[in-house]
């Protein structure tokens, strides 16, 4: 029974990680390393908490996607440093989001009548859809934007527009993750409750080697240890903050192992060649 509960909890917790990971896969395939994804998840969760269901879902998607597109405009059209911009967007989202959702602290929300298995199955189907999309003409343009944007530009495709489309897809998925966390997973809001989930998605996208299908399994890695850390808090005389870092440590360890194994078998990792590099047309 304990193992069954652990498995069900892991499936339920994997849903927001998988949603945000799929967004990160699309964005990183386009060449954008969005460390501000943590901020998008947090801000959308705060908006969802502030309004509650059902309008919280819609508003979270709108606000989170707009926030993500702003990041893409600044990091691509303005060619600002993606790493520093990501940290700035995350910190700004913490401040804005905590203020917006302050009236909702401790307020319970009625969770939708859906099980973790059903939600995970829906997210898995979405992963398959993203996998198929990356093989369409749009998907090929997104992948080319991350691998060889100059060649894409030479054949007349607007690299900046392609990256914005990827940013919109990433924003919708990350925002859906944020809304799900508050309104379906936890059913409540505190300022620190959803911190770190967007960061895990950035890591799991790399664990999955930027493959939407592999992201299904990769999302279960941190989710399993999040669920386990919650269960162990009532049995171990350890600080909950110490237990809460376990999913991050395990995810980083798995990432290192995957990268080392990939380099050993393939000689290099299949990372997009222009990942974290802004495309400047004048320097083509």
C-alpha atoms as a PDB file:
ATOM      1  CA  UNK A   1       0.000   0.000   0.000  1.00  0.00           C
ATOM      2  CA  UNK A   2       2.856   2.379   0.818  1.00  0.00           C
ATOM      3  CA  UNK A   3       4.512   1.671  -2.536  1.00  0.00           C
ATOM      4  CA  UNK A   4       1.214   2.202  -4.323  1.00  0.00           C
ATOM      5  CA  UNK A   5       0.729   5.554  -2.585  1.00  0.00           C
ATOM      6  CA  UNK A   6       4.290   6.536  -3.459  1.00  0.00           C
ATOM      7  CA  UNK A   7       3.743   5.635  -7.115  1.00  0.00           C
ATOM      8  CA  UNK A   8       0.450   7.538  -7.289  1.00  0.00           C
ATOM      9  CA  UNK A   9       2.040  10.566  -5.606  1.00  0.00           C
ATOM     10  CA  UNK A  10       4.968  10.451  -8.031  1.00  0.00           C
ATOM     11  CA  UNK A  11       2.611  10.327 -11.022  1.00  0.00           C
ATOM     12  CA  UNK A  12       0.612  13.272  -9.719  1.00  0.00           C
ATOM     13  CA  UNK A  13       3.734  15.313  -8.977  1.00  0.00           C
ATOM     14  CA  UNK A  14       5.273  14.485 -12.344  1.00  0.00           C
ATOM     15  CA  UNK A  15       2.476  16.282 -14.201  1.00  0.00           C
ATOM     16  CA  UNK A  16       3.618  19.895 -13.588  1.00  0.00           C
ATOM     17  CA  UNK A  17       7.270  18.893 -14.058  1.00  0.00           C
ATOM     18  CA  UNK A  18       6.446  17.178 -17.358  1.00  0.00           C
ATOM     19  CA  UNK A  19       4.403  20.139 -18.609  1.00  0.00           C
ATOM     20  CA  UNK A  20       7.164  22.627 -17.824  1.00  0.00           C
ATOM     21  CA  UNK A  21       9.825  20.216 -19.126  1.00  0.00           C
ATOM     22  CA  UNK A  22       8.054  19.937 -22.477  1.00  0.00           C
ATOM     23  CA  UNK A  23       8.049  23.718 -22.656  1.00  0.00           C
ATOM     24  CA  UNK A  24      11.762  23.791 -21.831  1.00  0.00           C
ATOM     25  CA  UNK A  25      12.449  21.151 -24.501  1.00  0.00           C
ATOM     26  CA  UNK A  26      10.771  23.284 -27.164  1.00  0.00           C
ATOM     27  CA  UNK A  27      12.494  26.472 -26.000  1.00  0.00           C
ATOM     28  CA  UNK A  28      15.939  24.902 -25.742  1.00  0.00           C
ATOM     29  CA  UNK A  29      15.482  23.217 -29.114  1.00  0.00           C
ATOM     30  CA  UNK A  30      15.007  26.733 -30.471  1.00  0.00           C
ATOM     31  CA  UNK A  31      18.325  27.774 -28.908  1.00  0.00           C
ATOM     32  CA  UNK A  32      16.977  29.578 -25.833  1.00  0.00           C
ATOM     33  CA  UNK A  33      18.141  28.519 -22.371  1.00  0.00           C
ATOM     34  CA  UNK A  34      15.366  30.016 -20.283  1.00  0.00           C
ATOM     35  CA  UNK A  35      16.439  29.990 -16.643  1.00  0.00           C
ATOM     36  CA  UNK A  36      13.543  32.392 -16.115  1.00  0.00           C
ATOM     37  CA  UNK A  37      11.180  29.437 -16.547  1.00  0.00           C
ATOM     38  CA  UNK A  38      11.162  29.192 -12.765  1.00  0.00           C
ATOM     39  CA  UNK A  39       9.738  32.710 -12.703  1.00  0.00           C
ATOM     40  CA  UNK A  40       7.079  31.862 -15.282  1.00  0.00           C
ATOM     41  CA  UNK A  41       5.893  28.860 -13.265  1.00  0.00           C
ATOM     42  CA  UNK A  42       5.890  30.887 -10.044  1.00  0.00           C
ATOM     43  CA  UNK A  43       4.088  33.922 -11.481  1.00  0.00           C
ATOM     44  CA  UNK A  44       1.411  31.845 -13.194  1.00  0.00           C
ATOM     45  CA  UNK A  45       0.887  29.885  -9.975  1.00  0.00           C
ATOM     46  CA  UNK A  46       0.505  33.148  -8.054  1.00  0.00           C
ATOM     47  CA  UNK A  47      -2.048  34.472 -10.558  1.00  0.00           C
ATOM     48  CA  UNK A  48      -3.986  31.202 -10.341  1.00  0.00           C
ATOM     49  CA  UNK A  49      -3.973  31.456  -6.536  1.00  0.00           C
ATOM     50  CA  UNK A  50      -5.047  35.090  -6.575  1.00  0.00           C
ATOM     51  CA  UNK A  51      -8.126  34.430  -8.723  1.00  0.00           C
ATOM     52  CA  UNK A  52      -8.862  30.805  -7.857  1.00  0.00           C
ATOM     53  CA  UNK A  53     -10.759  28.412 -10.127  1.00  0.00           C
ATOM     54  CA  UNK A  54     -11.976  28.619 -12.817  1.00  0.00           C
ATOM     55  CA  UNK A  55     -10.664  32.013 -13.969  1.00  0.00           C
ATOM     56  CA  UNK A  56      -7.316  31.396 -12.325  1.00  0.00           C
ATOM     57  CA  UNK A  57      -6.476  28.785 -14.956  1.00  0.00           C
ATOM     58  CA  UNK A  58      -7.162  31.158 -17.858  1.00  0.00           C
ATOM     59  CA  UNK A  59      -5.451  34.164 -16.292  1.00  0.00           C
ATOM     60  CA  UNK A  60      -2.407  32.067 -15.345  1.00  0.00           C
ATOM     61  CA  UNK A  61      -1.964  30.935 -18.957  1.00  0.00           C
ATOM     62  CA  UNK A  62      -2.335  34.493 -20.278  1.00  0.00           C
ATOM     63  CA  UNK A  63      -0.021  36.175 -17.770  1.00  0.00           C
ATOM     64  CA  UNK A  64       2.603  33.417 -17.763  1.00  0.00           C
ATOM     65  CA  UNK A  65       2.765  33.234 -21.550  1.00  0.00           C
ATOM     66  CA  UNK A  66       3.054  37.023 -21.876  1.00  0.00           C
ATOM     67  CA  UNK A  67       5.823  37.032 -19.267  1.00  0.00           C
ATOM     68  CA  UNK A  68       7.685  34.313 -21.151  1.00  0.00           C
ATOM     69  CA  UNK A  69       7.329  36.161 -24.460  1.00  0.00           C
ATOM     70  CA  UNK A  70       8.799  39.265 -22.829  1.00  0.00           C
ATOM     71  CA  UNK A  71      11.819  37.169 -21.869  1.00  0.00           C
ATOM     72  CA  UNK A  72      12.132  35.945 -25.465  1.00  0.00           C
ATOM     73  CA  UNK A  73      11.920  39.482 -26.829  1.00  0.00           C
ATOM     74  CA  UNK A  74      14.657  40.738 -24.524  1.00  0.00           C
ATOM     75  CA  UNK A  75      16.909  37.707 -24.954  1.00  0.00           C
ATOM     76  CA  UNK A  76      16.558  37.416 -28.737  1.00  0.00           C
ATOM     77  CA  UNK A  77      15.472  40.699 -30.324  1.00  0.00           C
ATOM     78  CA  UNK A  78      17.531  42.720 -27.827  1.00  0.00           C
ATOM     79  CA  UNK A  79      20.248  40.013 -27.557  1.00  0.00           C
ATOM     80  CA  UNK A  80      20.544  40.323 -23.768  1.00  0.00           C
ATOM     81  CA  UNK A  81      22.464  37.667 -21.850  1.00  0.00           C
ATOM     82  CA  UNK A  82      20.077  34.737 -21.377  1.00  0.00           C
ATOM     83  CA  UNK A  83      21.605  33.533 -18.116  1.00  0.00           C
ATOM     84  CA  UNK A  84      21.530  36.877 -16.312  1.00  0.00           C
ATOM     85  CA  UNK A  85      18.110  37.708 -17.744  1.00  0.00           C
ATOM     86  CA  UNK A  86      16.753  34.391 -16.485  1.00  0.00           C
ATOM     87  CA  UNK A  87      17.866  35.114 -12.924  1.00  0.00           C
ATOM     88  CA  UNK A  88      16.376  38.629 -13.125  1.00  0.00           C
ATOM     89  CA  UNK A  89      13.034  37.317 -14.412  1.00  0.00           C
ATOM     90  CA  UNK A  90      12.871  34.723 -11.654  1.00  0.00           C
ATOM     91  CA  UNK A  91      13.559  37.228  -8.879  1.00  0.00           C
ATOM     92  CA  UNK A  92      11.054  39.699 -10.350  1.00  0.00           C
ATOM     93  CA  UNK A  93       8.413  36.952 -10.520  1.00  0.00           C
ATOM     94  CA  UNK A  94       9.034  36.045  -6.874  1.00  0.00           C
ATOM     95  CA  UNK A  95       8.410  39.632  -5.826  1.00  0.00           C
ATOM     96  CA  UNK A  96       5.409  40.332  -8.055  1.00  0.00           C
ATOM     97  CA  UNK A  97       3.829  36.913  -7.542  1.00  0.00           C
ATOM     98  CA  UNK A  98       4.103  36.911  -3.754  1.00  0.00           C
ATOM     99  CA  UNK A  99       2.425  40.317  -3.629  1.00  0.00           C
ATOM    100  CA  UNK A 100      -0.375  39.332  -6.024  1.00  0.00           C
ATOM    101  CA  UNK A 101      -1.218  36.137  -4.164  1.00  0.00           C
ATOM    102  CA  UNK A 102      -0.808  37.485  -0.628  1.00  0.00           C
ATOM    103  CA  UNK A 103      -4.585  37.424   0.077  1.00  0.00           C
ATOM    104  CA  UNK A 104      -4.652  33.728  -0.904  1.00  0.00           C
ATOM    105  CA  UNK A 105      -2.076  32.546   1.658  1.00  0.00           C
ATOM    106  CA  UNK A 106      -3.545  29.614   3.583  1.00  0.00           C
ATOM    107  CA  UNK A 107      -6.759  29.673   1.569  1.00  0.00           C
ATOM    108  CA  UNK A 108      -7.808  26.170   0.384  1.00  0.00           C
ATOM    109  CA  UNK A 109      -8.986  25.598  -3.169  1.00  0.00           C
ATOM    110  CA  UNK A 110     -11.373  22.903  -4.304  1.00  0.00           C
ATOM    111  CA  UNK A 111      -9.337  20.468  -6.366  1.00  0.00           C
ATOM    112  CA  UNK A 112     -10.729  19.178  -9.676  1.00  0.00           C
ATOM    113  CA  UNK A 113     -12.054  15.586  -9.629  1.00  0.00           C
ATOM    114  CA  UNK A 114      -9.111  14.080 -11.518  1.00  0.00           C
ATOM    115  CA  UNK A 115      -6.614  11.507 -10.293  1.00  0.00           C
ATOM    116  CA  UNK A 116      -2.869  11.782 -10.631  1.00  0.00           C
ATOM    117  CA  UNK A 117      -2.800   8.843 -13.045  1.00  0.00           C
ATOM    118  CA  UNK A 118      -5.387  10.483 -15.305  1.00  0.00           C
ATOM    119  CA  UNK A 119      -3.518  13.785 -15.270  1.00  0.00           C
ATOM    120  CA  UNK A 120      -0.208  12.050 -15.994  1.00  0.00           C
ATOM    121  CA  UNK A 121      -1.796  10.141 -18.880  1.00  0.00           C
ATOM    122  CA  UNK A 122      -3.032  13.430 -20.360  1.00  0.00           C
ATOM    123  CA  UNK A 123       0.429  14.994 -19.962  1.00  0.00           C
ATOM    124  CA  UNK A 124       1.970  11.918 -21.602  1.00  0.00           C
ATOM    125  CA  UNK A 125      -0.368  12.299 -24.573  1.00  0.00           C
ATOM    126  CA  UNK A 126       0.718  15.926 -24.799  1.00  0.00           C
ATOM    127  CA  UNK A 127       4.372  14.804 -24.841  1.00  0.00           C
ATOM    128  CA  UNK A 128       3.599  12.580 -27.820  1.00  0.00           C
ATOM    129  CA  UNK A 129       1.897  15.534 -29.537  1.00  0.00           C
ATOM    130  CA  UNK A 130       4.966  17.732 -28.944  1.00  0.00           C
ATOM    131  CA  UNK A 131       7.186  14.942 -30.296  1.00  0.00           C
ATOM    132  CA  UNK A 132       5.097  14.840 -33.482  1.00  0.00           C
ATOM    133  CA  UNK A 133       5.013  18.645 -33.732  1.00  0.00           C
ATOM    134  CA  UNK A 134       8.823  18.803 -33.713  1.00  0.00           C
ATOM    135  CA  UNK A 135       8.746  16.742 -36.908  1.00  0.00           C
ATOM    136  CA  UNK A 136       6.420  19.075 -38.778  1.00  0.00           C
ATOM    137  CA  UNK A 137       7.592  22.055 -40.819  1.00  0.00           C
ATOM    138  CA  UNK A 138       7.210  24.305 -37.771  1.00  0.00           C
ATOM    139  CA  UNK A 139       9.112  21.822 -35.625  1.00  0.00           C
ATOM    140  CA  UNK A 140      11.937  21.604 -38.135  1.00  0.00           C
ATOM    141  CA  UNK A 141      12.179  25.408 -38.114  1.00  0.00           C
ATOM    142  CA  UNK A 142      12.316  25.402 -34.305  1.00  0.00           C
ATOM    143  CA  UNK A 143      15.097  22.818 -34.310  1.00  0.00           C
ATOM    144  CA  UNK A 144      17.007  24.664 -37.029  1.00  0.00           C
ATOM    145  CA  UNK A 145      16.728  27.846 -34.963  1.00  0.00           C
ATOM    146  CA  UNK A 146      18.699  26.101 -32.244  1.00  0.00           C
ATOM    147  CA  UNK A 147      21.177  24.291 -34.478  1.00  0.00           C
ATOM    148  CA  UNK A 148      21.864  26.622 -37.426  1.00  0.00           C
ATOM    149  CA  UNK A 149      19.854  29.870 -37.306  1.00  0.00           C
ATOM    150  CA  UNK A 150      21.985  31.551 -39.998  1.00  0.00           C
ATOM    151  CA  UNK A 151      21.015  28.910 -42.571  1.00  0.00           C
ATOM    152  CA  UNK A 152      17.384  29.219 -41.533  1.00  0.00           C
ATOM    153  CA  UNK A 153      17.609  32.970 -42.051  1.00  0.00           C
ATOM    154  CA  UNK A 154      19.238  32.529 -45.475  1.00  0.00           C
ATOM    155  CA  UNK A 155      16.251  30.571 -46.806  1.00  0.00           C
ATOM    156  CA  UNK A 156      13.926  33.375 -45.753  1.00  0.00           C
ATOM    157  CA  UNK A 157      12.594  32.138 -42.421  1.00  0.00           C
ATOM    158  CA  UNK A 158      12.499  34.746 -39.659  1.00  0.00           C
ATOM    159  CA  UNK A 159      14.559  33.262 -36.793  1.00  0.00           C
ATOM    160  CA  UNK A 160      13.187  35.800 -34.313  1.00  0.00           C
ATOM    161  CA  UNK A 161       9.609  34.873 -35.200  1.00  0.00           C
ATOM    162  CA  UNK A 162      10.364  31.128 -34.906  1.00  0.00           C
ATOM    163  CA  UNK A 163      11.879  31.634 -31.476  1.00  0.00           C
ATOM    164  CA  UNK A 164       8.868  33.667 -30.370  1.00  0.00           C
ATOM    165  CA  UNK A 165       6.572  30.812 -31.438  1.00  0.00           C
ATOM    166  CA  UNK A 166       8.718  28.444 -29.389  1.00  0.00           C
ATOM    167  CA  UNK A 167       8.515  30.931 -26.509  1.00  0.00           C
ATOM    168  CA  UNK A 168       4.720  31.013 -26.737  1.00  0.00           C
ATOM    169  CA  UNK A 169       4.528  27.204 -26.621  1.00  0.00           C
ATOM    170  CA  UNK A 170       6.976  27.121 -23.714  1.00  0.00           C
ATOM    171  CA  UNK A 171       5.029  29.841 -21.897  1.00  0.00           C
ATOM    172  CA  UNK A 172       1.683  28.067 -22.226  1.00  0.00           C
ATOM    173  CA  UNK A 173       3.093  24.779 -20.962  1.00  0.00           C
ATOM    174  CA  UNK A 174       5.008  26.334 -18.046  1.00  0.00           C
ATOM    175  CA  UNK A 175       1.976  28.432 -17.090  1.00  0.00           C
ATOM    176  CA  UNK A 176      -0.234  25.348 -17.148  1.00  0.00           C
ATOM    177  CA  UNK A 177       2.268  23.723 -14.790  1.00  0.00           C
ATOM    178  CA  UNK A 178       2.056  26.672 -12.399  1.00  0.00           C
ATOM    179  CA  UNK A 179      -1.743  26.691 -12.372  1.00  0.00           C
ATOM    180  CA  UNK A 180      -1.846  22.925 -11.867  1.00  0.00           C
ATOM    181  CA  UNK A 181       0.522  23.116  -8.901  1.00  0.00           C
ATOM    182  CA  UNK A 182      -1.682  25.496  -6.956  1.00  0.00           C
ATOM    183  CA  UNK A 183      -5.181  24.535  -8.012  1.00  0.00           C
ATOM    184  CA  UNK A 184      -4.824  20.751  -8.535  1.00  0.00           C
ATOM    185  CA  UNK A 185      -1.678  19.462  -6.809  1.00  0.00           C
ATOM    186  CA  UNK A 186      -1.428  21.407  -3.543  1.00  0.00           C
ATOM    187  CA  UNK A 187      -4.862  23.025  -3.455  1.00  0.00           C
ATOM    188  CA  UNK A 188      -3.450  25.993  -1.550  1.00  0.00           C
ATOM    189  CA  UNK A 189      -0.820  28.741  -1.734  1.00  0.00           C
ATOM    190  CA  UNK A 190       2.127  29.946   0.301  1.00  0.00           C
ATOM    191  CA  UNK A 191       4.986  32.080  -0.949  1.00  0.00           C
ATOM    192  CA  UNK A 192       7.524  29.247  -0.988  1.00  0.00           C
ATOM    193  CA  UNK A 193       5.214  26.386  -1.973  1.00  0.00           C
ATOM    194  CA  UNK A 194       5.974  26.271  -5.709  1.00  0.00           C
ATOM    195  CA  UNK A 195       9.538  27.562  -5.646  1.00  0.00           C
ATOM    196  CA  UNK A 196      11.998  25.386  -7.557  1.00  0.00           C
ATOM    197  CA  UNK A 197       9.597  23.473  -9.806  1.00  0.00           C
ATOM    198  CA  UNK A 198      10.521  25.510 -12.894  1.00  0.00           C
ATOM    199  CA  UNK A 199      14.219  24.999 -12.195  1.00  0.00           C
ATOM    200  CA  UNK A 200      13.656  21.238 -12.054  1.00  0.00           C
ATOM    201  CA  UNK A 201      12.035  21.439 -15.500  1.00  0.00           C
ATOM    202  CA  UNK A 202      15.150  23.057 -16.987  1.00  0.00           C
ATOM    203  CA  UNK A 203      17.243  20.199 -15.571  1.00  0.00           C
ATOM    204  CA  UNK A 204      14.873  17.424 -16.669  1.00  0.00           C
ATOM    205  CA  UNK A 205      14.792  18.793 -20.232  1.00  0.00           C
ATOM    206  CA  UNK A 206      18.549  18.170 -20.331  1.00  0.00           C
ATOM    207  CA  UNK A 207      18.191  14.753 -18.663  1.00  0.00           C
ATOM    208  CA  UNK A 208      15.762  13.868 -21.464  1.00  0.00           C
ATOM    209  CA  UNK A 209      18.346  15.027 -24.036  1.00  0.00           C
ATOM    210  CA  UNK A 210      15.734  17.404 -25.451  1.00  0.00           C
ATOM    211  CA  UNK A 211      13.425  14.543 -26.422  1.00  0.00           C
ATOM    212  CA  UNK A 212       9.728  14.941 -25.492  1.00  0.00           C
ATOM    213  CA  UNK A 213       9.205  11.180 -25.155  1.00  0.00           C
ATOM    214  CA  UNK A 214      12.222  10.787 -22.879  1.00  0.00           C
ATOM    215  CA  UNK A 215      10.881  13.722 -20.860  1.00  0.00           C
ATOM    216  CA  UNK A 216       8.048  11.470 -19.664  1.00  0.00           C
ATOM    217  CA  UNK A 217      10.467   9.277 -17.746  1.00  0.00           C
ATOM    218  CA  UNK A 218      12.767  12.155 -16.798  1.00  0.00           C
ATOM    219  CA  UNK A 219       9.916  13.990 -15.070  1.00  0.00           C
ATOM    220  CA  UNK A 220       9.355  11.030 -12.766  1.00  0.00           C
ATOM    221  CA  UNK A 221      12.885  11.299 -11.334  1.00  0.00           C
ATOM    222  CA  UNK A 222      12.435  14.500  -9.284  1.00  0.00           C
ATOM    223  CA  UNK A 223       8.742  13.783  -8.684  1.00  0.00           C
ATOM    224  CA  UNK A 224       9.508  10.444  -7.046  1.00  0.00           C
ATOM    225  CA  UNK A 225      11.956  12.042  -4.619  1.00  0.00           C
ATOM    226  CA  UNK A 226       9.649  14.998  -3.930  1.00  0.00           C
ATOM    227  CA  UNK A 227       6.932  12.549  -2.926  1.00  0.00           C
ATOM    228  CA  UNK A 228       9.431  10.504  -0.918  1.00  0.00           C
ATOM    229  CA  UNK A 229      10.752  13.580   0.908  1.00  0.00           C
ATOM    230  CA  UNK A 230       7.206  14.533   1.935  1.00  0.00           C
ATOM    231  CA  UNK A 231       6.603  11.001   3.250  1.00  0.00           C
ATOM    232  CA  UNK A 232       9.894  10.885   5.167  1.00  0.00           C
ATOM    233  CA  UNK A 233       9.315  14.184   6.978  1.00  0.00           C
ATOM    234  CA  UNK A 234       7.019  12.461   9.464  1.00  0.00           C
ATOM    235  CA  UNK A 235       9.510   9.661  10.157  1.00  0.00           C
ATOM    236  CA  UNK A 236      12.940  11.311  10.188  1.00  0.00           C
ATOM    237  CA  UNK A 237      14.191  13.853  12.680  1.00  0.00           C
ATOM    238  CA  UNK A 238      15.675  15.970   9.909  1.00  0.00           C
ATOM    239  CA  UNK A 239      15.041  19.497   8.761  1.00  0.00           C
ATOM    240  CA  UNK A 240      12.383  19.588   6.020  1.00  0.00           C
ATOM    241  CA  UNK A 241      14.617  22.035   4.161  1.00  0.00           C
ATOM    242  CA  UNK A 242      17.328  19.368   4.069  1.00  0.00           C
ATOM    243  CA  UNK A 243      14.903  16.775   2.725  1.00  0.00           C
ATOM    244  CA  UNK A 244      13.574  19.226   0.159  1.00  0.00           C
ATOM    245  CA  UNK A 245      16.962  19.541  -1.546  1.00  0.00           C
ATOM    246  CA  UNK A 246      17.125  15.798  -2.216  1.00  0.00           C
ATOM    247  CA  UNK A 247      15.118  15.971  -5.508  1.00  0.00           C
ATOM    248  CA  UNK A 248      17.506  18.635  -6.811  1.00  0.00           C
ATOM    249  CA  UNK A 249      20.625  16.700  -5.828  1.00  0.00           C
ATOM    250  CA  UNK A 250      19.272  13.507  -7.381  1.00  0.00           C
ATOM    251  CA  UNK A 251      18.272  15.336 -10.582  1.00  0.00           C
ATOM    252  CA  UNK A 252      21.729  16.876 -10.925  1.00  0.00           C
ATOM    253  CA  UNK A 253      23.360  13.482 -10.292  1.00  0.00           C
ATOM    254  CA  UNK A 254      21.161  11.857 -12.961  1.00  0.00           C
ATOM    255  CA  UNK A 255      21.937  14.710 -15.372  1.00  0.00           C
ATOM    256  CA  UNK A 256      25.681  14.209 -14.884  1.00  0.00           C
ATOM    257  CA  UNK A 257      25.318  10.456 -15.392  1.00  0.00           C
ATOM    258  CA  UNK A 258      23.273  10.912 -18.564  1.00  0.00           C
ATOM    259  CA  UNK A 259      25.705  13.449 -20.001  1.00  0.00           C
ATOM    260  CA  UNK A 260      28.725  11.238 -19.258  1.00  0.00           C
ATOM    261  CA  UNK A 261      27.036   8.164 -20.728  1.00  0.00           C
ATOM    262  CA  UNK A 262      26.001  10.079 -23.836  1.00  0.00           C
ATOM    263  CA  UNK A 263      29.489  11.424 -24.423  1.00  0.00           C
ATOM    264  CA  UNK A 264      30.923   7.949 -24.009  1.00  0.00           C
ATOM    265  CA  UNK A 265      28.559   6.376 -26.536  1.00  0.00           C
ATOM    266  CA  UNK A 266      28.116   9.243 -29.012  1.00  0.00           C
ATOM    267  CA  UNK A 267      31.247  11.298 -28.442  1.00  0.00           C
ATOM    268  CA  UNK A 268      29.174  14.391 -27.596  1.00  0.00           C
ATOM    269  CA  UNK A 269      25.779  15.376 -26.246  1.00  0.00           C
ATOM    270  CA  UNK A 270      22.992  16.206 -28.749  1.00  0.00           C
ATOM    271  CA  UNK A 271      22.553  19.702 -27.333  1.00  0.00           C
ATOM    272  CA  UNK A 272      21.379  22.401 -29.755  1.00  0.00           C
ATOM    273  CA  UNK A 273      24.528  24.095 -31.054  1.00  0.00           C
ATOM    274  CA  UNK A 274      23.164  27.610 -30.502  1.00  0.00           C
ATOM    275  CA  UNK A 275      21.757  26.944 -27.040  1.00  0.00           C
ATOM    276  CA  UNK A 276      21.968  30.110 -24.879  1.00  0.00           C
ATOM    277  CA  UNK A 277      23.354  32.137 -27.804  1.00  0.00           C
ATOM    278  CA  UNK A 278      21.356  35.073 -29.196  1.00  0.00           C
ATOM    279  CA  UNK A 279      21.111  35.226 -32.977  1.00  0.00           C
ATOM    280  CA  UNK A 280      22.236  38.588 -34.328  1.00  0.00           C
ATOM    281  CA  UNK A 281      21.388  38.890 -38.021  1.00  0.00           C
ATOM    282  CA  UNK A 282      23.960  41.621 -38.663  1.00  0.00           C
ATOM    283  CA  UNK A 283      26.735  39.245 -37.577  1.00  0.00           C
ATOM    284  CA  UNK A 284      25.638  36.477 -39.943  1.00  0.00           C
END
